N, C-alpha and C. Protein backbone atom coordinates (compact mmCIF):
# COMPACT_ATOMS: atom_id res chain seq x y z
N MET A 1 -11.90 -20.38 20.51
CA MET A 1 -11.67 -19.56 19.34
C MET A 1 -10.48 -18.63 19.62
N MET A 2 -9.51 -18.53 18.68
CA MET A 2 -8.33 -17.69 18.84
C MET A 2 -8.62 -16.26 18.42
N SER A 3 -7.94 -15.33 19.06
CA SER A 3 -8.07 -13.93 18.66
C SER A 3 -7.27 -13.70 17.38
N ASN A 4 -7.50 -12.57 16.75
CA ASN A 4 -6.76 -12.25 15.52
C ASN A 4 -5.26 -12.22 15.77
N ALA A 5 -4.85 -11.64 16.89
CA ALA A 5 -3.42 -11.56 17.20
C ALA A 5 -2.85 -12.96 17.39
N ALA A 6 -3.55 -13.81 18.10
CA ALA A 6 -3.08 -15.17 18.32
C ALA A 6 -3.01 -15.94 17.01
N GLU A 7 -3.98 -15.71 16.12
CA GLU A 7 -3.97 -16.36 14.81
C GLU A 7 -2.79 -15.90 13.98
N ARG A 8 -2.50 -14.60 14.01
CA ARG A 8 -1.36 -14.07 13.26
C ARG A 8 -0.06 -14.65 13.80
N LEU A 9 0.07 -14.72 15.12
CA LEU A 9 1.28 -15.30 15.71
C LEU A 9 1.43 -16.76 15.33
N ALA A 10 0.33 -17.52 15.40
CA ALA A 10 0.38 -18.93 15.05
C ALA A 10 0.75 -19.11 13.57
N ALA A 11 0.19 -18.28 12.71
CA ALA A 11 0.50 -18.36 11.28
C ALA A 11 1.97 -18.04 11.03
N LEU A 12 2.47 -17.03 11.71
CA LEU A 12 3.87 -16.64 11.57
C LEU A 12 4.79 -17.75 12.07
N ASP A 13 4.47 -18.30 13.23
CA ASP A 13 5.29 -19.35 13.82
C ASP A 13 5.27 -20.64 13.00
N SER A 14 4.23 -20.85 12.20
CA SER A 14 4.13 -22.08 11.43
C SER A 14 4.72 -21.97 10.02
N LEU A 15 5.23 -20.80 9.67
CA LEU A 15 5.85 -20.64 8.36
C LEU A 15 7.07 -21.55 8.23
N PRO A 16 7.37 -22.00 7.03
CA PRO A 16 8.62 -22.74 6.83
C PRO A 16 9.80 -21.87 7.28
N ALA A 17 10.81 -22.52 7.80
CA ALA A 17 11.97 -21.81 8.38
C ALA A 17 12.58 -20.81 7.40
N ALA A 18 12.81 -21.24 6.18
CA ALA A 18 13.43 -20.35 5.18
C ALA A 18 12.53 -19.15 4.89
N ASP A 19 11.23 -19.36 4.84
CA ASP A 19 10.29 -18.25 4.57
C ASP A 19 10.29 -17.24 5.71
N LEU A 20 10.25 -17.73 6.93
CA LEU A 20 10.24 -16.83 8.09
C LEU A 20 11.53 -16.02 8.13
N CYS A 21 12.66 -16.68 7.91
CA CYS A 21 13.95 -15.96 7.90
C CYS A 21 13.99 -14.95 6.76
N ALA A 22 13.46 -15.31 5.59
CA ALA A 22 13.45 -14.39 4.44
C ALA A 22 12.58 -13.17 4.72
N LEU A 23 11.41 -13.38 5.31
CA LEU A 23 10.53 -12.25 5.66
C LEU A 23 11.22 -11.32 6.66
N ALA A 24 11.83 -11.91 7.67
CA ALA A 24 12.52 -11.11 8.69
C ALA A 24 13.68 -10.35 8.05
N THR A 25 14.45 -11.00 7.20
CA THR A 25 15.60 -10.36 6.55
C THR A 25 15.16 -9.25 5.62
N ASP A 26 14.13 -9.49 4.81
CA ASP A 26 13.64 -8.46 3.90
C ASP A 26 13.14 -7.23 4.66
N THR A 27 12.41 -7.47 5.74
CA THR A 27 11.91 -6.35 6.54
C THR A 27 13.06 -5.61 7.20
N LEU A 28 14.04 -6.36 7.68
CA LEU A 28 15.23 -5.76 8.28
C LEU A 28 15.96 -4.88 7.26
N GLU A 29 16.12 -5.37 6.06
CA GLU A 29 16.80 -4.58 5.02
C GLU A 29 16.03 -3.30 4.70
N SER A 30 14.71 -3.39 4.62
CA SER A 30 13.89 -2.20 4.36
C SER A 30 14.02 -1.20 5.51
N LEU A 31 14.06 -1.71 6.74
CA LEU A 31 14.23 -0.84 7.90
C LEU A 31 15.58 -0.15 7.87
N VAL A 32 16.61 -0.87 7.50
CA VAL A 32 17.96 -0.29 7.40
C VAL A 32 17.97 0.84 6.37
N VAL A 33 17.32 0.61 5.23
CA VAL A 33 17.26 1.65 4.19
C VAL A 33 16.57 2.90 4.74
N ALA A 34 15.44 2.72 5.42
CA ALA A 34 14.71 3.86 5.99
C ALA A 34 15.55 4.60 7.03
N ILE A 35 16.23 3.86 7.89
CA ILE A 35 17.08 4.49 8.92
C ILE A 35 18.22 5.26 8.26
N ASN A 36 18.84 4.66 7.24
CA ASN A 36 19.94 5.35 6.55
C ASN A 36 19.46 6.60 5.83
N GLN A 37 18.27 6.54 5.23
CA GLN A 37 17.72 7.74 4.58
C GLN A 37 17.48 8.84 5.60
N GLU A 38 16.90 8.48 6.74
CA GLU A 38 16.64 9.46 7.79
C GLU A 38 17.93 10.08 8.28
N THR A 39 18.93 9.25 8.54
CA THR A 39 20.22 9.74 9.03
C THR A 39 20.84 10.70 8.02
N THR A 40 20.81 10.34 6.74
CA THR A 40 21.38 11.18 5.69
C THR A 40 20.65 12.53 5.61
N LEU A 41 19.33 12.49 5.66
CA LEU A 41 18.56 13.73 5.60
C LEU A 41 18.82 14.62 6.80
N LEU A 42 18.90 14.03 7.98
CA LEU A 42 19.16 14.83 9.18
C LEU A 42 20.55 15.46 9.13
N ARG A 43 21.51 14.71 8.67
CA ARG A 43 22.87 15.26 8.55
C ARG A 43 22.90 16.43 7.57
N ALA A 44 22.04 16.38 6.56
CA ALA A 44 21.98 17.44 5.56
C ALA A 44 21.10 18.61 6.03
N GLY A 45 20.55 18.51 7.24
CA GLY A 45 19.71 19.58 7.77
C GLY A 45 18.31 19.58 7.20
N ARG A 46 17.87 18.47 6.65
CA ARG A 46 16.55 18.39 6.03
C ARG A 46 15.60 17.63 6.96
N ALA A 47 15.35 18.22 8.12
CA ALA A 47 14.55 17.57 9.18
C ALA A 47 13.12 17.31 8.74
N ARG A 48 12.54 18.22 7.99
CA ARG A 48 11.15 18.03 7.56
C ARG A 48 11.02 16.79 6.68
N GLU A 49 11.94 16.62 5.75
CA GLU A 49 11.92 15.44 4.88
C GLU A 49 12.19 14.17 5.69
N ALA A 50 13.09 14.27 6.65
CA ALA A 50 13.38 13.12 7.52
C ALA A 50 12.14 12.74 8.32
N GLY A 51 11.41 13.74 8.77
CA GLY A 51 10.18 13.48 9.52
C GLY A 51 9.14 12.74 8.72
N GLU A 52 9.15 12.92 7.41
CA GLU A 52 8.19 12.23 6.55
C GLU A 52 8.45 10.72 6.49
N LEU A 53 9.63 10.30 6.91
CA LEU A 53 9.97 8.87 6.92
C LEU A 53 9.53 8.17 8.21
N THR A 54 9.10 8.94 9.19
CA THR A 54 8.80 8.39 10.51
C THR A 54 7.74 7.29 10.47
N ALA A 55 6.65 7.52 9.76
CA ALA A 55 5.57 6.52 9.74
C ALA A 55 6.04 5.21 9.13
N GLU A 56 6.76 5.30 8.02
CA GLU A 56 7.26 4.09 7.37
C GLU A 56 8.29 3.38 8.24
N LYS A 57 9.18 4.16 8.84
CA LYS A 57 10.20 3.57 9.72
C LYS A 57 9.54 2.88 10.91
N THR A 58 8.52 3.49 11.48
CA THR A 58 7.81 2.90 12.62
C THR A 58 7.12 1.61 12.21
N ARG A 59 6.46 1.62 11.06
CA ARG A 59 5.79 0.40 10.59
C ARG A 59 6.78 -0.73 10.36
N LEU A 60 7.90 -0.40 9.71
CA LEU A 60 8.92 -1.43 9.46
C LEU A 60 9.51 -1.97 10.76
N ALA A 61 9.73 -1.08 11.72
CA ALA A 61 10.28 -1.53 13.01
C ALA A 61 9.31 -2.45 13.72
N GLN A 62 8.02 -2.11 13.68
CA GLN A 62 7.02 -2.97 14.31
C GLN A 62 6.94 -4.33 13.61
N ASP A 63 6.96 -4.31 12.29
CA ASP A 63 6.93 -5.56 11.54
C ASP A 63 8.15 -6.41 11.86
N TYR A 64 9.31 -5.76 11.88
CA TYR A 64 10.54 -6.51 12.16
C TYR A 64 10.51 -7.10 13.56
N MET A 65 10.01 -6.35 14.53
CA MET A 65 9.94 -6.87 15.90
C MET A 65 9.03 -8.09 15.96
N GLY A 66 7.95 -8.07 15.22
CA GLY A 66 7.06 -9.24 15.15
C GLY A 66 7.79 -10.46 14.59
N PHE A 67 8.53 -10.24 13.50
CA PHE A 67 9.29 -11.35 12.92
C PHE A 67 10.40 -11.81 13.87
N ALA A 68 11.08 -10.86 14.51
CA ALA A 68 12.17 -11.21 15.42
C ALA A 68 11.66 -12.03 16.61
N ARG A 69 10.49 -11.67 17.12
CA ARG A 69 9.91 -12.45 18.22
C ARG A 69 9.55 -13.85 17.77
N SER A 70 9.04 -13.97 16.57
CA SER A 70 8.71 -15.29 16.03
C SER A 70 9.99 -16.11 15.85
N VAL A 71 11.03 -15.48 15.36
CA VAL A 71 12.32 -16.17 15.20
C VAL A 71 12.82 -16.64 16.55
N GLN A 72 12.67 -15.81 17.58
CA GLN A 72 13.09 -16.21 18.93
C GLN A 72 12.27 -17.40 19.42
N ARG A 73 10.95 -17.34 19.21
CA ARG A 73 10.10 -18.45 19.67
C ARG A 73 10.42 -19.75 18.93
N GLN A 74 10.81 -19.62 17.68
CA GLN A 74 11.05 -20.80 16.84
C GLN A 74 12.54 -21.08 16.64
N ALA A 75 13.38 -20.55 17.51
CA ALA A 75 14.84 -20.61 17.32
C ALA A 75 15.36 -22.02 17.10
N ALA A 76 14.93 -22.96 17.91
CA ALA A 76 15.44 -24.33 17.78
C ALA A 76 15.06 -24.93 16.43
N ARG A 77 13.82 -24.75 16.03
CA ARG A 77 13.36 -25.28 14.74
C ARG A 77 14.09 -24.61 13.59
N LEU A 78 14.24 -23.30 13.66
CA LEU A 78 14.90 -22.57 12.58
C LEU A 78 16.37 -22.97 12.46
N ARG A 79 17.02 -23.14 13.60
CA ARG A 79 18.44 -23.56 13.61
C ARG A 79 18.59 -24.93 12.92
N ALA A 80 17.64 -25.80 13.18
CA ALA A 80 17.71 -27.14 12.60
C ALA A 80 17.38 -27.14 11.10
N GLU A 81 16.40 -26.31 10.69
CA GLU A 81 15.93 -26.35 9.32
C GLU A 81 16.62 -25.36 8.37
N ALA A 82 17.09 -24.23 8.90
CA ALA A 82 17.69 -23.20 8.03
C ALA A 82 18.84 -22.49 8.75
N PRO A 83 19.89 -23.22 9.12
CA PRO A 83 20.96 -22.60 9.91
C PRO A 83 21.67 -21.44 9.18
N ALA A 84 21.87 -21.54 7.88
CA ALA A 84 22.55 -20.47 7.14
C ALA A 84 21.71 -19.19 7.15
N GLN A 85 20.41 -19.33 6.95
CA GLN A 85 19.53 -18.16 6.95
C GLN A 85 19.48 -17.50 8.33
N VAL A 86 19.50 -18.31 9.38
CA VAL A 86 19.50 -17.78 10.75
C VAL A 86 20.79 -17.02 11.00
N ASP A 87 21.94 -17.58 10.60
CA ASP A 87 23.22 -16.89 10.77
C ASP A 87 23.25 -15.57 10.01
N ASN A 88 22.72 -15.57 8.79
CA ASN A 88 22.65 -14.36 7.98
C ASN A 88 21.78 -13.30 8.67
N LEU A 89 20.64 -13.73 9.19
CA LEU A 89 19.74 -12.81 9.88
C LEU A 89 20.39 -12.23 11.12
N LEU A 90 21.08 -13.06 11.89
CA LEU A 90 21.75 -12.57 13.09
C LEU A 90 22.85 -11.57 12.76
N ALA A 91 23.61 -11.83 11.70
CA ALA A 91 24.67 -10.90 11.30
C ALA A 91 24.08 -9.56 10.89
N ARG A 92 23.00 -9.60 10.15
CA ARG A 92 22.35 -8.34 9.72
C ARG A 92 21.72 -7.62 10.91
N HIS A 93 21.21 -8.38 11.85
CA HIS A 93 20.63 -7.78 13.05
C HIS A 93 21.70 -7.03 13.85
N ASP A 94 22.89 -7.60 13.95
CA ASP A 94 23.98 -6.92 14.65
C ASP A 94 24.36 -5.62 13.95
N LYS A 95 24.36 -5.63 12.61
CA LYS A 95 24.66 -4.40 11.86
C LYS A 95 23.56 -3.36 12.09
N LEU A 96 22.32 -3.82 12.21
CA LEU A 96 21.21 -2.90 12.47
C LEU A 96 21.43 -2.16 13.78
N ALA A 97 21.90 -2.85 14.79
CA ALA A 97 22.13 -2.22 16.09
C ALA A 97 23.14 -1.08 15.95
N THR A 98 24.19 -1.28 15.17
CA THR A 98 25.20 -0.24 14.95
C THR A 98 24.58 0.94 14.21
N GLN A 99 23.80 0.66 13.18
CA GLN A 99 23.18 1.73 12.40
C GLN A 99 22.16 2.50 13.23
N MET A 100 21.43 1.81 14.09
CA MET A 100 20.46 2.49 14.94
C MET A 100 21.17 3.41 15.93
N ALA A 101 22.30 2.97 16.46
CA ALA A 101 23.06 3.81 17.39
C ALA A 101 23.51 5.09 16.70
N GLU A 102 23.99 4.98 15.47
CA GLU A 102 24.40 6.16 14.71
C GLU A 102 23.20 7.06 14.43
N ASN A 103 22.08 6.47 14.05
CA ASN A 103 20.86 7.23 13.80
C ASN A 103 20.43 8.00 15.04
N LEU A 104 20.48 7.34 16.20
CA LEU A 104 20.09 8.01 17.44
C LEU A 104 21.04 9.16 17.79
N ARG A 105 22.33 9.00 17.49
CA ARG A 105 23.28 10.10 17.72
C ARG A 105 22.94 11.30 16.84
N VAL A 106 22.62 11.03 15.59
CA VAL A 106 22.28 12.11 14.66
C VAL A 106 20.98 12.79 15.09
N ILE A 107 20.00 12.01 15.52
CA ILE A 107 18.74 12.58 16.00
C ILE A 107 18.99 13.45 17.23
N ALA A 108 19.82 12.97 18.15
CA ALA A 108 20.12 13.74 19.36
C ALA A 108 20.82 15.04 19.00
N THR A 109 21.74 15.00 18.05
CA THR A 109 22.43 16.21 17.61
C THR A 109 21.45 17.20 16.99
N ALA A 110 20.56 16.71 16.12
CA ALA A 110 19.57 17.58 15.49
C ALA A 110 18.66 18.21 16.53
N ARG A 111 18.27 17.44 17.52
CA ARG A 111 17.42 17.97 18.59
C ARG A 111 18.15 19.05 19.37
N THR A 112 19.42 18.82 19.69
CA THR A 112 20.21 19.80 20.44
C THR A 112 20.36 21.09 19.64
N VAL A 113 20.66 20.95 18.35
CA VAL A 113 20.80 22.13 17.50
C VAL A 113 19.49 22.91 17.45
N THR A 114 18.38 22.23 17.32
CA THR A 114 17.07 22.88 17.27
C THR A 114 16.79 23.61 18.58
N GLU A 115 17.04 22.95 19.70
CA GLU A 115 16.81 23.58 21.00
C GLU A 115 17.71 24.81 21.17
N ASP A 116 18.97 24.71 20.75
CA ASP A 116 19.89 25.84 20.85
C ASP A 116 19.42 27.01 19.99
N LEU A 117 18.93 26.70 18.78
CA LEU A 117 18.43 27.76 17.90
C LEU A 117 17.21 28.46 18.52
N LEU A 118 16.29 27.67 19.06
CA LEU A 118 15.11 28.27 19.68
C LEU A 118 15.48 29.11 20.90
N THR A 119 16.43 28.64 21.68
CA THR A 119 16.89 29.41 22.84
C THR A 119 17.52 30.72 22.39
N ASP A 120 18.36 30.66 21.34
CA ASP A 120 18.99 31.88 20.83
C ASP A 120 17.96 32.86 20.30
N VAL A 121 16.95 32.36 19.60
CA VAL A 121 15.88 33.24 19.09
C VAL A 121 15.13 33.88 20.25
N ALA A 122 14.79 33.10 21.27
CA ALA A 122 14.08 33.65 22.43
C ALA A 122 14.91 34.72 23.13
N ARG A 123 16.21 34.48 23.29
CA ARG A 123 17.09 35.47 23.92
C ARG A 123 17.17 36.74 23.07
N SER A 124 17.26 36.56 21.77
CA SER A 124 17.35 37.70 20.87
C SER A 124 16.08 38.55 20.94
N ILE A 125 14.94 37.89 20.98
CA ILE A 125 13.68 38.61 21.06
C ILE A 125 13.57 39.36 22.39
N SER A 126 13.97 38.69 23.46
CA SER A 126 13.87 39.35 24.76
C SER A 126 14.88 40.49 24.88
N ALA A 127 16.03 40.39 24.21
CA ALA A 127 17.02 41.46 24.27
C ALA A 127 16.50 42.72 23.59
N LYS A 128 15.69 42.55 22.55
CA LYS A 128 15.12 43.71 21.86
C LYS A 128 14.13 44.45 22.75
N ALA A 129 13.53 43.76 23.70
CA ALA A 129 12.56 44.38 24.59
C ALA A 129 13.23 45.07 25.77
N ASN A 130 14.52 44.87 25.97
CA ASN A 130 15.23 45.50 27.10
C ASN A 130 15.43 46.99 26.84
N PRO A 131 15.45 47.79 27.90
CA PRO A 131 15.68 49.23 27.73
C PRO A 131 17.10 49.49 27.23
N LYS A 132 17.25 50.57 26.50
CA LYS A 132 18.55 50.88 25.92
C LYS A 132 19.06 52.25 26.38
N THR A 133 18.48 52.79 27.42
CA THR A 133 18.91 54.10 27.93
C THR A 133 19.34 53.98 29.38
N TYR A 134 20.18 54.89 29.80
CA TYR A 134 20.68 54.90 31.17
C TYR A 134 19.91 55.92 31.98
N GLY A 135 19.70 55.58 33.26
CA GLY A 135 19.03 56.49 34.17
C GLY A 135 20.06 57.36 34.90
N ALA A 136 19.60 58.12 35.89
CA ALA A 136 20.45 59.04 36.63
C ALA A 136 21.54 58.30 37.42
N THR A 137 21.31 57.06 37.75
CA THR A 137 22.29 56.30 38.54
C THR A 137 23.33 55.62 37.66
N GLY A 138 23.24 55.74 36.36
CA GLY A 138 24.18 55.08 35.46
C GLY A 138 23.77 53.66 35.10
N GLN A 139 22.63 53.23 35.61
CA GLN A 139 22.12 51.89 35.31
C GLN A 139 21.12 51.99 34.15
N LEU A 140 20.91 50.87 33.49
CA LEU A 140 19.89 50.87 32.46
C LEU A 140 18.55 51.15 33.12
N SER A 141 17.80 52.04 32.53
CA SER A 141 16.50 52.37 33.13
C SER A 141 15.44 51.43 32.61
N GLY A 142 14.36 51.37 33.31
CA GLY A 142 13.24 50.55 32.88
C GLY A 142 13.20 49.25 33.65
N HIS A 143 12.48 48.32 33.12
CA HIS A 143 12.28 47.04 33.77
C HIS A 143 13.49 46.13 33.58
N PRO A 144 13.73 45.24 34.52
CA PRO A 144 14.83 44.29 34.34
C PRO A 144 14.54 43.39 33.13
N PRO A 145 15.61 42.90 32.52
CA PRO A 145 15.41 42.05 31.34
C PRO A 145 14.59 40.81 31.67
N GLN A 146 13.76 40.44 30.74
CA GLN A 146 12.96 39.23 30.90
C GLN A 146 13.20 38.32 29.70
N VAL A 147 13.09 37.04 29.96
CA VAL A 147 13.22 36.07 28.88
C VAL A 147 11.91 36.08 28.11
N ALA A 148 12.01 35.97 26.81
CA ALA A 148 10.80 35.92 25.99
C ALA A 148 9.92 34.78 26.47
N SER A 149 8.63 35.03 26.55
CA SER A 149 7.74 34.01 27.07
C SER A 149 7.27 33.03 25.99
N GLY A 150 7.51 33.34 24.76
CA GLY A 150 7.11 32.43 23.70
C GLY A 150 7.51 32.95 22.35
N VAL A 151 7.50 32.08 21.38
CA VAL A 151 7.85 32.44 20.01
C VAL A 151 6.73 31.94 19.13
N SER A 152 6.33 32.79 18.18
CA SER A 152 5.27 32.41 17.26
C SER A 152 5.83 32.48 15.85
N LEU A 153 5.55 31.46 15.06
CA LEU A 153 6.01 31.42 13.69
C LEU A 153 4.82 31.47 12.75
N ASN A 154 4.95 32.24 11.68
CA ASN A 154 3.94 32.28 10.65
C ASN A 154 4.42 31.42 9.50
N ARG A 155 3.91 30.21 9.41
CA ARG A 155 4.37 29.27 8.38
C ARG A 155 3.71 29.54 7.03
N ALA A 156 2.79 30.46 6.96
CA ALA A 156 2.10 30.76 5.70
C ALA A 156 2.99 31.55 4.77
N LEU A 157 4.02 32.17 5.30
CA LEU A 157 4.89 33.01 4.46
C LEU A 157 5.80 32.23 3.59
């Protein structure tokens, strides 16, 4: 008796060549749309809205990887039965790689900006706690400056 996963793989691998290529291409196109939406939102500074796309993007990526693995397993058959669809899928897959690289650059930039903002806020908070008066020696009196140990946000406001 086959497991559910093995049954799904067998069903996927037994699809007609054109159908398998069409499913992979459609999923790839949907993934590209989700990646482009995320990239656009992040560039606009709308990280919260971009974060809402994560679940859908993850699902599409997992689905596409399943189709891509099936295409790899069935490459010889697909090449023989649907060469044009395979070429189209490969061309779109190459474009996906470029779009993913751009998406990752934008995500890395957003992460760096966020980390820099949090660091600046922590420094600003700790600077307010530093003494502002001079002692008899001409040095700032009180305790040496300390970095803020944490930041708390009230999101209810």
